PDB file of all heavy atoms in Angstrom:
ATOM      1  N   GLN A   1      38.068  20.784 -32.784  1.00  0.00           N
ATOM      2  CA  GLN A   1      38.474  22.169 -32.576  1.00  0.00           C
ATOM      3  C   GLN A   1      37.854  22.728 -31.300  1.00  0.00           C
ATOM      4  O   GLN A   1      36.845  22.233 -30.821  1.00  0.00           O
ATOM      5  CB  GLN A   1      38.101  23.015 -33.796  1.00  0.00           C
ATOM      6  CG  GLN A   1      38.953  22.664 -34.997  1.00  0.00           C
ATOM      7  CD  GLN A   1      38.610  23.459 -36.233  1.00  0.00           C
ATOM      8  OE1 GLN A   1      37.860  24.423 -36.205  1.00  0.00           O
ATOM      9  NE2 GLN A   1      39.188  23.046 -37.353  1.00  0.00           N
ATOM     10  N   ALA A   2      38.481  23.762 -30.782  1.00  0.00           N
ATOM     11  CA  ALA A   2      38.073  24.455 -29.556  1.00  0.00           C
ATOM     12  C   ALA A   2      38.343  23.620 -28.313  1.00  0.00           C
ATOM     13  O   ALA A   2      37.765  23.875 -27.256  1.00  0.00           O
ATOM     14  CB  ALA A   2      36.609  24.893 -29.616  1.00  0.00           C
ATOM     15  N   GLY A   3      39.254  22.630 -28.428  1.00  0.00           N
ATOM     16  CA  GLY A   3      39.599  21.813 -27.275  1.00  0.00           C
ATOM     17  C   GLY A   3      41.029  22.016 -26.799  1.00  0.00           C
ATOM     18  O   GLY A   3      41.520  21.231 -25.989  1.00  0.00           O
ATOM     19  N   GLY A   4      41.702  23.033 -27.320  1.00  0.00           N
ATOM     20  CA  GLY A   4      43.052  23.326 -26.872  1.00  0.00           C
ATOM     21  C   GLY A   4      44.164  22.642 -27.647  1.00  0.00           C
ATOM     22  O   GLY A   4      45.342  22.810 -27.330  1.00  0.00           O
ATOM     23  N   ILE A   5      43.820  21.882 -28.667  1.00  0.00           N
ATOM     24  CA  ILE A   5      44.842  21.162 -29.433  1.00  0.00           C
ATOM     25  C   ILE A   5      45.731  22.128 -30.210  1.00  0.00           C
ATOM     26  O   ILE A   5      46.953  21.970 -30.238  1.00  0.00           O
ATOM     27  CB  ILE A   5      44.176  20.126 -30.363  1.00  0.00           C
ATOM     28  CG1 ILE A   5      43.487  19.057 -29.519  1.00  0.00           C
ATOM     29  CG2 ILE A   5      45.196  19.510 -31.323  1.00  0.00           C
ATOM     30  CD1 ILE A   5      42.552  18.150 -30.282  1.00  0.00           C
ATOM     31  N   GLY A   6      45.149  23.144 -30.824  1.00  0.00           N
ATOM     32  CA  GLY A   6      45.946  24.143 -31.534  1.00  0.00           C
ATOM     33  C   GLY A   6      46.925  24.836 -30.609  1.00  0.00           C
ATOM     34  O   GLY A   6      48.088  25.048 -30.963  1.00  0.00           O
ATOM     35  N   LYS A   7      46.478  25.166 -29.421  1.00  0.00           N
ATOM     36  CA  LYS A   7      47.367  25.805 -28.429  1.00  0.00           C
ATOM     37  C   LYS A   7      48.525  24.879 -28.070  1.00  0.00           C
ATOM     38  O   LYS A   7      49.670  25.323 -27.949  1.00  0.00           O
ATOM     39  CB  LYS A   7      46.584  26.159 -27.168  1.00  0.00           C
ATOM     40  CG  LYS A   7      45.559  27.251 -27.350  1.00  0.00           C
ATOM     41  CD  LYS A   7      44.790  27.444 -26.054  1.00  0.00           C
ATOM     42  CE  LYS A   7      43.495  28.177 -26.306  1.00  0.00           C
ATOM     43  NZ  LYS A   7      42.641  28.215 -25.124  1.00  0.00           N
ATOM     44  N   GLN A   8      48.232  23.594 -27.885  1.00  0.00           N
ATOM     45  CA  GLN A   8      49.283  22.638 -27.545  1.00  0.00           C
ATOM     46  C   GLN A   8      50.297  22.503 -28.677  1.00  0.00           C
ATOM     47  O   GLN A   8      51.512  22.427 -28.428  1.00  0.00           O
ATOM     48  CB  GLN A   8      48.679  21.276 -27.215  1.00  0.00           C
ATOM     49  CG  GLN A   8      47.899  21.256 -25.911  1.00  0.00           C
ATOM     50  CD  GLN A   8      47.280  19.904 -25.656  1.00  0.00           C
ATOM     51  OE1 GLN A   8      47.986  18.899 -25.631  1.00  0.00           O
ATOM     52  NE2 GLN A   8      45.970  19.876 -25.477  1.00  0.00           N
ATOM     53  N   LEU A   9      49.815  22.471 -29.908  1.00  0.00           N
ATOM     54  CA  LEU A   9      50.726  22.388 -31.054  1.00  0.00           C
ATOM     55  C   LEU A   9      51.587  23.645 -31.156  1.00  0.00           C
ATOM     56  O   LEU A   9      52.780  23.566 -31.455  1.00  0.00           O
ATOM     57  CB  LEU A   9      49.940  22.164 -32.349  1.00  0.00           C
ATOM     58  CG  LEU A   9      49.452  20.739 -32.584  1.00  0.00           C
ATOM     59  CD1 LEU A   9      48.389  20.704 -33.676  1.00  0.00           C
ATOM     60  CD2 LEU A   9      50.629  19.831 -32.935  1.00  0.00           C
ATOM     61  N   MET A  10      50.999  24.803 -30.882  1.00  0.00           N
ATOM     62  CA  MET A  10      51.773  26.044 -30.927  1.00  0.00           C
ATOM     63  C   MET A  10      52.820  26.080 -29.814  1.00  0.00           C
ATOM     64  O   MET A  10      53.947  26.532 -30.035  1.00  0.00           O
ATOM     65  CB  MET A  10      50.845  27.251 -30.867  1.00  0.00           C
ATOM     66  CG  MET A  10      50.030  27.397 -32.150  1.00  0.00           C
ATOM     67  SD  MET A  10      48.990  28.840 -32.162  1.00  0.00           S
ATOM     68  CE  MET A  10      50.229  30.111 -32.422  1.00  0.00           C
ATOM     69  N   THR A  11      52.479  25.593 -28.635  1.00  0.00           N
ATOM     70  CA  THR A  11      53.447  25.528 -27.540  1.00  0.00           C
ATOM     71  C   THR A  11      54.608  24.610 -27.918  1.00  0.00           C
ATOM     72  O   THR A  11      55.780  24.946 -27.688  1.00  0.00           O
ATOM     73  CB  THR A  11      52.760  25.050 -26.246  1.00  0.00           C
ATOM     74  OG1 THR A  11      51.752  25.995 -25.888  1.00  0.00           O
ATOM     75  CG2 THR A  11      53.753  24.898 -25.101  1.00  0.00           C
ATOM     76  N   ALA A  12      54.292  23.463 -28.510  1.00  0.00           N
ATOM     77  CA  ALA A  12      55.347  22.536 -28.945  1.00  0.00           C
ATOM     78  C   ALA A  12      56.201  23.170 -30.039  1.00  0.00           C
ATOM     79  O   ALA A  12      57.428  23.006 -30.053  1.00  0.00           O
ATOM     80  CB  ALA A  12      54.720  21.231 -29.432  1.00  0.00           C
ATOM     81  N   ALA A  13      55.571  23.911 -30.947  1.00  0.00           N
ATOM     82  CA  ALA A  13      56.303  24.588 -32.019  1.00  0.00           C
ATOM     83  C   ALA A  13      57.254  25.630 -31.450  1.00  0.00           C
ATOM     84  O   ALA A  13      58.410  25.738 -31.878  1.00  0.00           O
ATOM     85  CB  ALA A  13      55.321  25.229 -32.991  1.00  0.00           C
ATOM     86  N   GLU A  14      56.793  26.397 -30.485  1.00  0.00           N
ATOM     87  CA  GLU A  14      57.636  27.423 -29.878  1.00  0.00           C
ATOM     88  C   GLU A  14      58.798  26.803 -29.102  1.00  0.00           C
ATOM     89  O   GLU A  14      59.906  27.346 -29.118  1.00  0.00           O
ATOM     90  CB  GLU A  14      56.788  28.348 -29.005  1.00  0.00           C
ATOM     91  CG  GLU A  14      55.863  29.212 -29.842  1.00  0.00           C
ATOM     92  CD  GLU A  14      54.833  29.996 -29.046  1.00  0.00           C
ATOM     93  OE1 GLU A  14      54.957  30.064 -27.797  1.00  0.00           O
ATOM     94  OE2 GLU A  14      53.912  30.535 -29.666  1.00  0.00           O
ATOM     95  N   GLN A  15      58.571  25.658 -28.479  1.00  0.00           N
ATOM     96  CA  GLN A  15      59.674  24.975 -27.801  1.00  0.00           C
ATOM     97  C   GLN A  15      60.692  24.473 -28.821  1.00  0.00           C
ATOM     98  O   GLN A  15      61.906  24.590 -28.606  1.00  0.00           O
ATOM     99  CB  GLN A  15      59.171  23.812 -26.944  1.00  0.00           C
ATOM    100  CG  GLN A  15      60.276  23.124 -26.167  1.00  0.00           C
ATOM    101  CD  GLN A  15      61.050  24.087 -25.269  1.00  0.00           C
ATOM    102  OE1 GLN A  15      60.462  24.786 -24.448  1.00  0.00           O
ATOM    103  NE2 GLN A  15      62.368  24.161 -25.434  1.00  0.00           N
ATOM    104  N   LEU A  16      60.220  23.942 -29.929  1.00  0.00           N
ATOM    105  CA  LEU A  16      61.121  23.499 -30.985  1.00  0.00           C
ATOM    106  C   LEU A  16      61.939  24.674 -31.517  1.00  0.00           C
ATOM    107  O   LEU A  16      63.139  24.552 -31.768  1.00  0.00           O
ATOM    108  CB  LEU A  16      60.341  22.826 -32.117  1.00  0.00           C
ATOM    109  CG  LEU A  16      61.193  22.242 -33.235  1.00  0.00           C
ATOM    110  CD1 LEU A  16      62.050  21.093 -32.731  1.00  0.00           C
ATOM    111  CD2 LEU A  16      60.308  21.788 -34.380  1.00  0.00           C
ATOM    112  N   ALA A  17      61.298  25.823 -31.673  1.00  0.00           N
ATOM    113  CA  ALA A  17      62.012  27.022 -32.133  1.00  0.00           C
ATOM    114  C   ALA A  17      63.152  27.360 -31.172  1.00  0.00           C
ATOM    115  O   ALA A  17      64.271  27.678 -31.607  1.00  0.00           O
ATOM    116  CB  ALA A  17      61.046  28.195 -32.259  1.00  0.00           C
ATOM    117  N   ARG A  18      62.886  27.305 -29.886  1.00  0.00           N
ATOM    118  CA  ARG A  18      63.949  27.575 -28.905  1.00  0.00           C
ATOM    119  C   ARG A  18      65.066  26.529 -29.013  1.00  0.00           C
ATOM    120  O   ARG A  18      66.246  26.859 -28.982  1.00  0.00           O
ATOM    121  CB  ARG A  18      63.367  27.602 -27.495  1.00  0.00           C
ATOM    122  CG  ARG A  18      62.511  28.818 -27.207  1.00  0.00           C
ATOM    123  CD  ARG A  18      61.989  28.804 -25.758  1.00  0.00           C
ATOM    124  NE  ARG A  18      61.001  29.828 -25.579  1.00  0.00           N
ATOM    125  CZ  ARG A  18      59.682  29.652 -25.740  1.00  0.00           C
ATOM    126  NH1 ARG A  18      59.192  28.474 -26.067  1.00  0.00           N
ATOM    127  NH2 ARG A  18      58.848  30.662 -25.556  1.00  0.00           N
ATOM    128  N   ASP A  19      64.670  25.257 -29.157  1.00  0.00           N
ATOM    129  CA  ASP A  19      65.653  24.179 -29.285  1.00  0.00           C
ATOM    130  C   ASP A  19      66.524  24.379 -30.521  1.00  0.00           C
ATOM    131  O   ASP A  19      67.698  24.013 -30.530  1.00  0.00           O
ATOM    132  CB  ASP A  19      64.965  22.812 -29.371  1.00  0.00           C
ATOM    133  CG  ASP A  19      64.248  22.419 -28.086  1.00  0.00           C
ATOM    134  OD1 ASP A  19      64.469  23.063 -27.028  1.00  0.00           O
ATOM    135  OD2 ASP A  19      63.440  21.466 -28.144  1.00  0.00           O
ATOM    136  N   TRP A  20      65.925  24.941 -31.586  1.00  0.00           N
ATOM    137  CA  TRP A  20      66.650  25.173 -32.841  1.00  0.00           C
ATOM    138  C   TRP A  20      67.322  26.552 -32.859  1.00  0.00           C
ATOM    139  O   TRP A  20      67.752  27.012 -33.897  1.00  0.00           O
ATOM    140  CB  TRP A  20      65.707  25.029 -34.018  1.00  0.00           C
ATOM    141  CG  TRP A  20      65.342  23.609 -34.352  1.00  0.00           C
ATOM    142  CD1 TRP A  20      65.742  22.476 -33.726  1.00  0.00           C
ATOM    143  CD2 TRP A  20      64.487  23.188 -35.419  1.00  0.00           C
ATOM    144  NE1 TRP A  20      65.192  21.375 -34.331  1.00  0.00           N
ATOM    145  CE2 TRP A  20      64.417  21.782 -35.377  1.00  0.00           C
ATOM    146  CE3 TRP A  20      63.756  23.857 -36.398  1.00  0.00           C
ATOM    147  CZ2 TRP A  20      63.671  21.036 -36.279  1.00  0.00           C
ATOM    148  CZ3 TRP A  20      63.010  23.109 -37.297  1.00  0.00           C
ATOM    149  CH2 TRP A  20      62.968  21.718 -37.242  1.00  0.00           C
ATOM    150  N   GLN A  21      67.390  27.212 -31.701  1.00  0.00           N
ATOM    151  CA  GLN A  21      68.072  28.502 -31.573  1.00  0.00           C
ATOM    152  C   GLN A  21      67.415  29.626 -32.383  1.00  0.00           C
ATOM    153  O   GLN A  21      68.097  30.544 -32.848  1.00  0.00           O
ATOM    154  CB  GLN A  21      69.547  28.383 -31.996  1.00  0.00           C
ATOM    155  CG  GLN A  21      70.288  27.199 -31.393  1.00  0.00           C
ATOM    156  CD  GLN A  21      70.492  27.311 -29.897  1.00  0.00           C
ATOM    157  OE1 GLN A  21      71.128  28.233 -29.456  1.00  0.00           O
ATOM    158  NE2 GLN A  21      69.946  26.393 -29.136  1.00  0.00           N
ATOM    159  N   CYS A  22      66.105  29.566 -32.548  1.00  0.00           N
ATOM    160  CA  CYS A  22      65.381  30.626 -33.257  1.00  0.00           C
ATOM    161  C   CYS A  22      64.972  31.699 -32.248  1.00  0.00           C
ATOM    162  O   CYS A  22      64.612  31.386 -31.112  1.00  0.00           O
ATOM    163  CB  CYS A  22      64.136  30.066 -33.943  1.00  0.00           C
ATOM    164  SG  CYS A  22      64.521  28.903 -35.272  1.00  0.00           S
ATOM    165  N   ARG A  23      64.997  32.948 -32.666  1.00  0.00           N
ATOM    166  CA  ARG A  23      64.645  34.042 -31.757  1.00  0.00           C
ATOM    167  C   ARG A  23      63.178  34.451 -31.903  1.00  0.00           C
ATOM    168  O   ARG A  23      62.657  35.171 -31.065  1.00  0.00           O
ATOM    169  CB  ARG A  23      65.545  35.255 -31.972  1.00  0.00           C
ATOM    170  CG  ARG A  23      65.346  35.966 -33.274  1.00  0.00           C
ATOM    171  CD  ARG A  23      66.058  37.324 -33.290  1.00  0.00           C
ATOM    172  NE  ARG A  23      65.531  38.153 -34.334  1.00  0.00           N
ATOM    173  CZ  ARG A  23      64.427  38.892 -34.257  1.00  0.00           C
ATOM    174  NH1 ARG A  23      63.715  38.928 -33.176  1.00  0.00           N
ATOM    175  NH2 ARG A  23      64.017  39.602 -35.283  1.00  0.00           N
ATOM    176  N   ALA A  24      62.514  33.975 -32.976  1.00  0.00           N
ATOM    177  CA  ALA A  24      61.127  34.387 -33.197  1.00  0.00           C
ATOM    178  C   ALA A  24      60.391  33.341 -34.027  1.00  0.00           C
ATOM    179  O   ALA A  24      60.999  32.527 -34.720  1.00  0.00           O
ATOM    180  CB  ALA A  24      61.083  35.740 -33.912  1.00  0.00           C
ATOM    181  N   MET A  25      59.064  33.415 -33.940  1.00  0.00           N
ATOM    182  CA  MET A  25      58.162  32.621 -34.775  1.00  0.00           C
ATOM    183  C   MET A  25      57.581  33.563 -35.819  1.00  0.00           C
ATOM    184  O   MET A  25      57.305  34.731 -35.518  1.00  0.00           O
ATOM    185  CB  MET A  25      57.013  32.051 -33.944  1.00  0.00           C
ATOM    186  CG  MET A  25      57.427  31.146 -32.804  1.00  0.00           C
ATOM    187  SD  MET A  25      58.063  29.547 -33.315  1.00  0.00           S
ATOM    188  CE  MET A  25      56.645  28.845 -34.142  1.00  0.00           C
ATOM    189  N   LYS A  26      57.357  33.063 -37.018  1.00  0.00           N
ATOM    190  CA  LYS A  26      56.798  33.870 -38.100  1.00  0.00           C
ATOM    191  C   LYS A  26      55.729  33.056 -38.810  1.00  0.00           C
ATOM    192  O   LYS A  26      55.835  31.832 -38.915  1.00  0.00           O
ATOM    193  CB  LYS A  26      57.912  34.242 -39.086  1.00  0.00           C
ATOM    194  CG  LYS A  26      57.458  35.071 -40.250  1.00  0.00           C
ATOM    195  CD  LYS A  26      58.623  35.388 -41.171  1.00  0.00           C
ATOM    196  CE  LYS A  26      58.134  36.168 -42.383  1.00  0.00           C
ATOM    197  NZ  LYS A  26      59.249  36.519 -43.282  1.00  0.00           N
ATOM    198  N   MET A  27      54.689  33.730 -39.275  1.00  0.00           N
ATOM    199  CA  MET A  27      53.627  33.070 -40.029  1.00  0.00           C
ATOM    200  C   MET A  27      53.000  34.054 -41.004  1.00  0.00           C
ATOM    201  O   MET A  27      53.179  35.271 -40.868  1.00  0.00           O
ATOM    202  CB  MET A  27      52.548  32.516 -39.096  1.00  0.00           C
ATOM    203  CG  MET A  27      51.759  33.593 -38.371  1.00  0.00           C
ATOM    204  SD  MET A  27      50.447  32.947 -37.325  1.00  0.00           S
ATOM    205  CE  MET A  27      51.361  32.117 -36.067  1.00  0.00           C
ATOM    206  N   THR A  28      52.279  33.517 -41.968  1.00  0.00           N
ATOM    207  CA  THR A  28      51.494  34.351 -42.876  1.00  0.00           C
ATOM    208  C   THR A  28      50.038  33.920 -42.771  1.00  0.00           C
ATOM    209  O   THR A  28      49.741  32.730 -42.632  1.00  0.00           O
ATOM    210  CB  THR A  28      51.976  34.222 -44.337  1.00  0.00           C
ATOM    211  OG1 THR A  28      51.950  32.842 -44.733  1.00  0.00           O
ATOM    212  CG2 THR A  28      53.382  34.777 -44.507  1.00  0.00           C
ATOM    213  N   VAL A  29      49.141  34.909 -42.797  1.00  0.00           N
ATOM    214  CA  VAL A  29      47.713  34.651 -42.620  1.00  0.00           C
ATOM    215  C   VAL A  29      46.935  35.485 -43.629  1.00  0.00           C
ATOM    216  O   VAL A  29      47.270  36.652 -43.872  1.00  0.00           O
ATOM    217  CB  VAL A  29      47.257  35.027 -41.184  1.00  0.00           C
ATOM    218  CG1 VAL A  29      45.795  34.676 -40.962  1.00  0.00           C
ATOM    219  CG2 VAL A  29      48.128  34.367 -40.139  1.00  0.00           C
ATOM    220  N   ILE A  30      45.904  34.911 -44.214  1.00  0.00           N
ATOM    221  CA  ILE A  30      45.008  35.651 -45.101  1.00  0.00           C
ATOM    222  C   ILE A  30      44.253  36.673 -44.245  1.00  0.00           C
ATOM    223  O   ILE A  30      43.630  36.305 -43.252  1.00  0.00           O
ATOM    224  CB  ILE A  30      44.028  34.698 -45.814  1.00  0.00           C
ATOM    225  CG1 ILE A  30      44.805  33.720 -46.709  1.00  0.00           C
ATOM    226  CG2 ILE A  30      43.000  35.468 -46.632  1.00  0.00           C
ATOM    227  CD1 ILE A  30      43.954  32.596 -47.274  1.00  0.00           C
ATOM    228  N   PRO A  31      44.317  37.975 -44.583  1.00  0.00           N
ATOM    229  CA  PRO A  31      43.725  38.990 -43.696  1.00  0.00           C
ATOM    230  C   PRO A  31      42.213  38.880 -43.506  1.00  0.00           C
ATOM    231  O   PRO A  31      41.692  39.374 -42.515  1.00  0.00           O
ATOM    232  CB  PRO A  31      44.110  40.316 -44.354  1.00  0.00           C
ATOM    233  CG  PRO A  31      44.524  39.987 -45.735  1.00  0.00           C
ATOM    234  CD  PRO A  31      44.980  38.559 -45.745  1.00  0.00           C
ATOM    235  N   GLN A  32      41.502  38.209 -44.403  1.00  0.00           N
ATOM    236  CA  GLN A  32      40.059  38.027 -44.238  1.00  0.00           C
ATOM    237  C   GLN A  32      39.732  37.049 -43.110  1.00  0.00           C
ATOM    238  O   GLN A  32      38.581  36.948 -42.699  1.00  0.00           O
ATOM    239  CB  GLN A  32      39.434  37.506 -45.549  1.00  0.00           C
ATOM    240  CG  GLN A  32      39.409  38.512 -46.664  1.00  0.00           C
ATOM    241  CD  GLN A  32      40.670  38.514 -47.529  1.00  0.00           C
ATOM    242  OE1 GLN A  32      41.729  38.064 -47.118  1.00  0.00           O
ATOM    243  NE2 GLN A  32      40.558  39.046 -48.726  1.00  0.00           N
ATOM    244  N   ARG A  33      40.711  36.363 -42.572  1.00  0.00           N
ATOM    245  CA  ARG A  33      40.484  35.352 -41.533  1.00  0.00           C
ATOM    246  C   ARG A  33      40.618  35.995 -40.150  1.00  0.00           C
ATOM    247  O   ARG A  33      41.501  35.679 -39.357  1.00  0.00           O
ATOM    248  CB  ARG A  33      41.460  34.197 -41.725  1.00  0.00           C
ATOM    249  CG  ARG A  33      41.275  33.625 -43.147  1.00  0.00           C
ATOM    250  CD  ARG A  33      41.656  32.243 -43.361  1.00  0.00           C
ATOM    251  NE  ARG A  33      41.062  31.349 -42.400  1.00  0.00           N
ATOM    252  CZ  ARG A  33      41.699  30.272 -41.947  1.00  0.00           C
ATOM    253  NH1 ARG A  33      42.893  29.987 -42.347  1.00  0.00           N
ATOM    254  NH2 ARG A  33      41.103  29.489 -41.081  1.00  0.00           N
ATOM    255  N   HIS A  34      39.694  36.892 -39.842  1.00  0.00           N
ATOM    256  CA  HIS A  34      39.730  37.705 -38.630  1.00  0.00           C
ATOM    257  C   HIS A  34      39.802  36.879 -37.344  1.00  0.00           C
ATOM    258  O   HIS A  34      40.559  37.210 -36.425  1.00  0.00           O
ATOM    259  CB  HIS A  34      38.531  38.654 -38.580  1.00  0.00           C
ATOM    260  CG  HIS A  34      38.424  39.528 -39.789  1.00  0.00           C
ATOM    261  ND1 HIS A  34      39.285  40.570 -40.031  1.00  0.00           N
ATOM    262  CD2 HIS A  34      37.583  39.485 -40.852  1.00  0.00           C
ATOM    263  CE1 HIS A  34      38.979  41.145 -41.182  1.00  0.00           C
ATOM    264  NE2 HIS A  34      37.945  40.500 -41.700  1.00  0.00           N
ATOM    265  N   GLU A  35      39.000  35.798 -37.250  1.00  0.00           N
ATOM    266  CA  GLU A  35      39.004  34.993 -36.029  1.00  0.00           C
ATOM    267  C   GLU A  35      40.343  34.303 -35.832  1.00  0.00           C
ATOM    268  O   GLU A  35      40.823  34.167 -34.711  1.00  0.00           O
ATOM    269  CB  GLU A  35      37.879  33.947 -36.066  1.00  0.00           C
ATOM    270  CG  GLU A  35      36.505  34.560 -35.951  1.00  0.00           C
ATOM    271  CD  GLU A  35      35.577  34.038 -37.049  1.00  0.00           C
ATOM    272  OE1 GLU A  35      36.044  33.401 -38.001  1.00  0.00           O
ATOM    273  OE2 GLU A  35      34.378  34.300 -36.937  1.00  0.00           O
ATOM    274  N   LEU A  36      40.961  33.874 -36.927  1.00  0.00           N
ATOM    275  CA  LEU A  36      42.258  33.223 -36.838  1.00  0.00           C
ATOM    276  C   LEU A  36      43.332  34.221 -36.408  1.00  0.00           C
ATOM    277  O   LEU A  36      44.163  33.913 -35.548  1.00  0.00           O
ATOM    278  CB  LEU A  36      42.622  32.590 -38.178  1.00  0.00           C
ATOM    279  CG  LEU A  36      43.870  31.725 -38.199  1.00  0.00           C
ATOM    280  CD1 LEU A  36      43.750  30.572 -37.208  1.00  0.00           C
ATOM    281  CD2 LEU A  36      44.104  31.193 -39.605  1.00  0.00           C
ATOM    282  N   ILE A  37      43.304  35.406 -36.966  1.00  0.00           N
ATOM    283  CA  ILE A  37      44.256  36.449 -36.571  1.00  0.00           C
ATOM    284  C   ILE A  37      44.101  36.752 -35.075  1.00  0.00           C
ATOM    285  O   ILE A  37      45.087  36.858 -34.344  1.00  0.00           O
ATOM    286  CB  ILE A  37      44.085  37.702 -37.437  1.00  0.00           C
ATOM    287  CG1 ILE A  37      44.537  37.393 -38.870  1.00  0.00           C
ATOM    288  CG2 ILE A  37      44.844  38.896 -36.861  1.00  0.00           C
ATOM    289  CD1 ILE A  37      44.151  38.436 -39.890  1.00  0.00           C
ATOM    290  N   ALA A  38      42.868  36.857 -34.604  1.00  0.00           N
ATOM    291  CA  ALA A  38      42.618  37.115 -33.174  1.00  0.00           C
ATOM    292  C   ALA A  38      43.159  35.967 -32.315  1.00  0.00           C
ATOM    293  O   ALA A  38      43.728  36.196 -31.242  1.00  0.00           O
ATOM    294  CB  ALA A  38      41.131  37.326 -32.923  1.00  0.00           C
ATOM    295  N   PHE A  39      42.995  34.727 -32.783  1.00  0.00           N
ATOM    296  CA  PHE A  39      43.535  33.557 -32.078  1.00  0.00           C
ATOM    297  C   PHE A  39      45.048  33.695 -31.918  1.00  0.00           C
ATOM    298  O   PHE A  39      45.590  33.496 -30.826  1.00  0.00           O
ATOM    299  CB  PHE A  39      43.172  32.280 -32.861  1.00  0.00           C
ATOM    300  CG  PHE A  39      43.825  31.025 -32.373  1.00  0.00           C
ATOM    301  CD1 PHE A  39      43.311  30.321 -31.300  1.00  0.00           C
ATOM    302  CD2 PHE A  39      44.959  30.523 -33.012  1.00  0.00           C
ATOM    303  CE1 PHE A  39      43.910  29.140 -30.862  1.00  0.00           C
ATOM    304  CE2 PHE A  39      45.561  29.346 -32.578  1.00  0.00           C
ATOM    305  CZ  PHE A  39      45.037  28.659 -31.506  1.00  0.00           C
ATOM    306  N   TYR A  40      45.733  34.045 -32.994  1.00  0.00           N
ATOM    307  CA  TYR A  40      47.188  34.199 -32.930  1.00  0.00           C
ATOM    308  C   TYR A  40      47.586  35.391 -32.058  1.00  0.00           C
ATOM    309  O   TYR A  40      48.561  35.313 -31.314  1.00  0.00           O
ATOM    310  CB  TYR A  40      47.776  34.336 -34.329  1.00  0.00           C
ATOM    311  CG  TYR A  40      47.694  33.071 -35.152  1.00  0.00           C
ATOM    312  CD1 TYR A  40      47.275  33.100 -36.482  1.00  0.00           C
ATOM    313  CD2 TYR A  40      48.034  31.835 -34.621  1.00  0.00           C
ATOM    314  CE1 TYR A  40      47.209  31.943 -37.245  1.00  0.00           C
ATOM    315  CE2 TYR A  40      47.960  30.669 -35.370  1.00  0.00           C
ATOM    316  CZ  TYR A  40      47.545  30.735 -36.681  1.00  0.00           C
ATOM    317  OH  TYR A  40      47.477  29.589 -37.426  1.00  0.00           O
ATOM    318  N   GLU A  41      46.847  36.470 -32.147  1.00  0.00           N
ATOM    319  CA  GLU A  41      47.165  37.642 -31.312  1.00  0.00           C
ATOM    320  C   GLU A  41      47.051  37.310 -29.826  1.00  0.00           C
ATOM    321  O   GLU A  41      47.856  37.776 -29.018  1.00  0.00           O
ATOM    322  CB  GLU A  41      46.265  38.824 -31.685  1.00  0.00           C
ATOM    323  CG  GLU A  41      46.640  39.448 -33.018  1.00  0.00           C
ATOM    324  CD  GLU A  41      45.721  40.576 -33.445  1.00  0.00           C
ATOM    325  OE1 GLU A  41      44.537  40.609 -33.033  1.00  0.00           O
ATOM    326  OE2 GLU A  41      46.194  41.428 -34.214  1.00  0.00           O
ATOM    327  N   ARG A  42      46.064  36.496 -29.464  1.00  0.00           N
ATOM    328  CA  ARG A  42      45.922  36.090 -28.061  1.00  0.00           C
ATOM    329  C   ARG A  42      47.122  35.264 -27.587  1.00  0.00           C
ATOM    330  O   ARG A  42      47.369  35.149 -26.391  1.00  0.00           O
ATOM    331  CB  ARG A  42      44.626  35.303 -27.855  1.00  0.00           C
ATOM    332  CG  ARG A  42      43.377  36.167 -27.923  1.00  0.00           C
ATOM    333  CD  ARG A  42      42.139  35.420 -27.465  1.00  0.00           C
ATOM    334  NE  ARG A  42      41.824  34.233 -28.227  1.00  0.00           N
ATOM    335  CZ  ARG A  42      41.084  34.205 -29.348  1.00  0.00           C
ATOM    336  NH1 ARG A  42      40.577  35.334 -29.851  1.00  0.00           N
ATOM    337  NH2 ARG A  42      40.830  33.058 -29.942  1.00  0.00           N
ATOM    338  N   ARG A  43      47.860  34.707 -28.513  1.00  0.00           N
ATOM    339  CA  ARG A  43      49.040  33.908 -28.190  1.00  0.00           C
ATOM    340  C   ARG A  43      50.339  34.685 -28.390  1.00  0.00           C
ATOM    341  O   ARG A  43      51.418  34.111 -28.438  1.00  0.00           O
ATOM    342  CB  ARG A  43      49.049  32.632 -29.026  1.00  0.00           C
ATOM    343  CG  ARG A  43      48.217  31.588 -28.340  1.00  0.00           C
ATOM    344  CD  ARG A  43      47.347  30.768 -29.266  1.00  0.00           C
ATOM    345  NE  ARG A  43      46.225  30.239 -28.515  1.00  0.00           N
ATOM    346  CZ  ARG A  43      45.071  30.877 -28.320  1.00  0.00           C
ATOM    347  NH1 ARG A  43      44.866  32.059 -28.818  1.00  0.00           N
ATOM    348  NH2 ARG A  43      44.109  30.338 -27.630  1.00  0.00           N
TER     349      ARG A  43
END
């Protein structure tokens, strides 16, 4: 962790979404996971 792998997977996921004609990405997160929410917000 903290080596950019999550970012790379998210970039690949977003490209797949475009390839599949999706207009948005959606996820659910446990609200107590503040650092994870901040990670997603930065993206």
